[in-house]
């Protein structure tokens, strides 16, 4: 079965103190529901980001924060194994409903395909 990542976005001015108990419990309830359905591969929030870039000289530079200026950043992600995109989108809808935040759904491609091994 295919794997999908559901990346949840937070605004750049996100304040974690605004997360009330209902919101946190909603996220935990969704995680429990995904676990019970047997689709969870990973689910969790993300800390501060660091960008790693190769320079023309071949050196690698690490900087704090994202490379591009953005109005939103990835605040958490889930990796799920489900039958198809429609099923992944149904879980993303549940996530958006409980977090009240937008998310992005993308299929994960494996090279080589594990089913071909």
C-alpha atoms as a PDB file:
ATOM      1  CA  UNK A   1       0.000   0.000   0.000  1.00  0.00           C
ATOM      2  CA  UNK A   2       1.187   3.539  -0.670  1.00  0.00           C
ATOM      3  CA  UNK A   3       2.499   5.837   2.047  1.00  0.00           C
ATOM      4  CA  UNK A   4       1.486   9.497   2.343  1.00  0.00           C
ATOM      5  CA  UNK A   5       2.804  12.391   4.377  1.00  0.00           C
ATOM      6  CA  UNK A   6       0.312  14.848   5.816  1.00  0.00           C
ATOM      7  CA  UNK A   7       2.200  18.019   6.734  1.00  0.00           C
ATOM      8  CA  UNK A   8       0.378  20.454   9.000  1.00  0.00           C
ATOM      9  CA  UNK A   9       1.131  24.144   8.593  1.00  0.00           C
ATOM     10  CA  UNK A  10       1.311  26.818  11.273  1.00  0.00           C
ATOM     11  CA  UNK A  11       1.435  30.581  10.706  1.00  0.00           C
ATOM     12  CA  UNK A  12       4.793  32.231  11.352  1.00  0.00           C
ATOM     13  CA  UNK A  13       3.267  34.063  14.327  1.00  0.00           C
ATOM     14  CA  UNK A  14       2.022  30.812  15.918  1.00  0.00           C
ATOM     15  CA  UNK A  15       1.944  30.938  19.705  1.00  0.00           C
ATOM     16  CA  UNK A  16       1.949  27.468  21.335  1.00  0.00           C
ATOM     17  CA  UNK A  17       0.282  28.926  24.434  1.00  0.00           C
ATOM     18  CA  UNK A  18      -2.900  29.327  22.348  1.00  0.00           C
ATOM     19  CA  UNK A  19      -3.292  25.536  22.151  1.00  0.00           C
ATOM     20  CA  UNK A  20      -6.054  24.783  24.628  1.00  0.00           C
ATOM     21  CA  UNK A  21      -6.758  21.377  26.192  1.00  0.00           C
ATOM     22  CA  UNK A  22      -9.529  20.671  23.677  1.00  0.00           C
ATOM     23  CA  UNK A  23      -7.186  21.165  20.732  1.00  0.00           C
ATOM     24  CA  UNK A  24      -4.467  18.998  22.267  1.00  0.00           C
ATOM     25  CA  UNK A  25      -6.962  16.243  23.133  1.00  0.00           C
ATOM     26  CA  UNK A  26      -8.357  16.425  19.578  1.00  0.00           C
ATOM     27  CA  UNK A  27      -4.878  15.779  18.181  1.00  0.00           C
ATOM     28  CA  UNK A  28      -4.335  12.875  20.607  1.00  0.00           C
ATOM     29  CA  UNK A  29      -7.762  11.450  19.722  1.00  0.00           C
ATOM     30  CA  UNK A  30      -6.939  11.572  16.007  1.00  0.00           C
ATOM     31  CA  UNK A  31      -3.612   9.831  16.670  1.00  0.00           C
ATOM     32  CA  UNK A  32      -5.405   7.121  18.668  1.00  0.00           C
ATOM     33  CA  UNK A  33      -7.936   6.690  15.853  1.00  0.00           C
ATOM     34  CA  UNK A  34      -5.151   6.337  13.256  1.00  0.00           C
ATOM     35  CA  UNK A  35      -3.311   3.853  15.490  1.00  0.00           C
ATOM     36  CA  UNK A  36      -6.505   1.811  15.921  1.00  0.00           C
ATOM     37  CA  UNK A  37      -6.977   1.806  12.128  1.00  0.00           C
ATOM     38  CA  UNK A  38      -3.409   0.474  11.773  1.00  0.00           C
ATOM     39  CA  UNK A  39      -2.301   3.208   9.360  1.00  0.00           C
ATOM     40  CA  UNK A  40       0.200   5.196  11.451  1.00  0.00           C
ATOM     41  CA  UNK A  41       3.870   5.008  10.503  1.00  0.00           C
ATOM     42  CA  UNK A  42       4.821   8.266  12.257  1.00  0.00           C
ATOM     43  CA  UNK A  43       3.006  11.208  13.808  1.00  0.00           C
ATOM     44  CA  UNK A  44       4.466  14.148  15.680  1.00  0.00           C
ATOM     45  CA  UNK A  45       5.141  17.838  15.964  1.00  0.00           C
ATOM     46  CA  UNK A  46       8.320  19.450  14.713  1.00  0.00           C
ATOM     47  CA  UNK A  47      10.771  21.727  16.490  1.00  0.00           C
ATOM     48  CA  UNK A  48      12.843  24.583  15.100  1.00  0.00           C
ATOM     49  CA  UNK A  49      14.197  24.149  11.586  1.00  0.00           C
ATOM     50  CA  UNK A  50      17.714  24.348  10.206  1.00  0.00           C
ATOM     51  CA  UNK A  51      18.604  24.682   6.543  1.00  0.00           C
ATOM     52  CA  UNK A  52      21.591  22.796   5.123  1.00  0.00           C
ATOM     53  CA  UNK A  53      22.904  24.155   1.787  1.00  0.00           C
ATOM     54  CA  UNK A  54      25.819  23.248  -0.436  1.00  0.00           C
ATOM     55  CA  UNK A  55      27.811  26.274  -1.589  1.00  0.00           C
ATOM     56  CA  UNK A  56      29.415  26.635  -5.047  1.00  0.00           C
ATOM     57  CA  UNK A  57      32.762  25.934  -3.343  1.00  0.00           C
ATOM     58  CA  UNK A  58      31.451  22.557  -2.176  1.00  0.00           C
ATOM     59  CA  UNK A  59      31.271  23.664   1.464  1.00  0.00           C
ATOM     60  CA  UNK A  60      28.064  22.974   3.347  1.00  0.00           C
ATOM     61  CA  UNK A  61      26.497  25.766   5.403  1.00  0.00           C
ATOM     62  CA  UNK A  62      23.927  25.277   8.147  1.00  0.00           C
ATOM     63  CA  UNK A  63      21.648  28.175   9.067  1.00  0.00           C
ATOM     64  CA  UNK A  64      18.726  28.531  11.434  1.00  0.00           C
ATOM     65  CA  UNK A  65      15.243  28.601   9.990  1.00  0.00           C
ATOM     66  CA  UNK A  66      13.819  27.920   6.553  1.00  0.00           C
ATOM     67  CA  UNK A  67      15.612  28.971   3.397  1.00  0.00           C
ATOM     68  CA  UNK A  68      12.594  30.713   1.871  1.00  0.00           C
ATOM     69  CA  UNK A  69      10.478  33.413   3.434  1.00  0.00           C
ATOM     70  CA  UNK A  70       7.017  32.003   3.979  1.00  0.00           C
ATOM     71  CA  UNK A  71       3.759  32.899   5.689  1.00  0.00           C
ATOM     72  CA  UNK A  72       3.499  29.380   7.113  1.00  0.00           C
ATOM     73  CA  UNK A  73       5.849  26.620   8.193  1.00  0.00           C
ATOM     74  CA  UNK A  74       5.522  22.894   8.775  1.00  0.00           C
ATOM     75  CA  UNK A  75       4.614  22.398  12.421  1.00  0.00           C
ATOM     76  CA  UNK A  76       3.953  18.667  12.403  1.00  0.00           C
ATOM     77  CA  UNK A  77       3.567  15.673  10.182  1.00  0.00           C
ATOM     78  CA  UNK A  78       2.053  12.241   9.912  1.00  0.00           C
ATOM     79  CA  UNK A  79       3.183   9.404   7.714  1.00  0.00           C
ATOM     80  CA  UNK A  80       0.367   6.990   7.011  1.00  0.00           C
ATOM     81  CA  UNK A  81      -0.019   3.824   4.962  1.00  0.00           C
ATOM     82  CA  UNK A  82      -3.427   3.730   3.281  1.00  0.00           C
ATOM     83  CA  UNK A  83      -5.018   2.321   0.131  1.00  0.00           C
ATOM     84  CA  UNK A  84      -5.017   5.484  -1.967  1.00  0.00           C
ATOM     85  CA  UNK A  85      -5.016   9.284  -2.127  1.00  0.00           C
ATOM     86  CA  UNK A  86      -8.730   9.510  -1.330  1.00  0.00           C
ATOM     87  CA  UNK A  87      -8.206   7.691   1.973  1.00  0.00           C
ATOM     88  CA  UNK A  88      -5.185   9.891   2.770  1.00  0.00           C
ATOM     89  CA  UNK A  89      -7.284  12.985   2.067  1.00  0.00           C
ATOM     90  CA  UNK A  90     -10.031  11.760   4.391  1.00  0.00           C
ATOM     91  CA  UNK A  91      -7.480  11.539   7.230  1.00  0.00           C
ATOM     92  CA  UNK A  92      -6.104  14.976   6.278  1.00  0.00           C
ATOM     93  CA  UNK A  93      -9.624  16.396   6.515  1.00  0.00           C
ATOM     94  CA  UNK A  94      -9.935  14.993  10.046  1.00  0.00           C
ATOM     95  CA  UNK A  95      -6.571  16.511  10.931  1.00  0.00           C
ATOM     96  CA  UNK A  96      -7.505  19.937   9.538  1.00  0.00           C
ATOM     97  CA  UNK A  97     -10.808  19.824  11.416  1.00  0.00           C
ATOM     98  CA  UNK A  98      -9.246  19.061  14.803  1.00  0.00           C
ATOM     99  CA  UNK A  99      -6.203  21.367  14.444  1.00  0.00           C
ATOM    100  CA  UNK A 100      -7.952  24.157  12.555  1.00  0.00           C
ATOM    101  CA  UNK A 101      -4.782  24.460  10.464  1.00  0.00           C
ATOM    102  CA  UNK A 102      -4.177  23.789   6.769  1.00  0.00           C
ATOM    103  CA  UNK A 103      -2.214  20.756   5.685  1.00  0.00           C
ATOM    104  CA  UNK A 104      -0.598  19.293   2.596  1.00  0.00           C
ATOM    105  CA  UNK A 105      -0.867  15.679   1.463  1.00  0.00           C
ATOM    106  CA  UNK A 106       1.846  14.064  -0.658  1.00  0.00           C
ATOM    107  CA  UNK A 107       2.514  10.498  -1.676  1.00  0.00           C
ATOM    108  CA  UNK A 108       5.910   9.160  -0.672  1.00  0.00           C
ATOM    109  CA  UNK A 109       7.740   7.425  -3.481  1.00  0.00           C
ATOM    110  CA  UNK A 110      10.239   4.719  -2.647  1.00  0.00           C
ATOM    111  CA  UNK A 111      13.201   4.081  -4.953  1.00  0.00           C
ATOM    112  CA  UNK A 112      13.482   1.256  -5.513  1.00  0.00           C
ATOM    113  CA  UNK A 113       9.846   0.303  -4.946  1.00  0.00           C
ATOM    114  CA  UNK A 114       9.790  -2.041  -1.883  1.00  0.00           C
ATOM    115  CA  UNK A 115       7.267  -4.297  -3.627  1.00  0.00           C
ATOM    116  CA  UNK A 116       9.863  -4.951  -6.323  1.00  0.00           C
ATOM    117  CA  UNK A 117      12.520  -6.128  -3.840  1.00  0.00           C
END
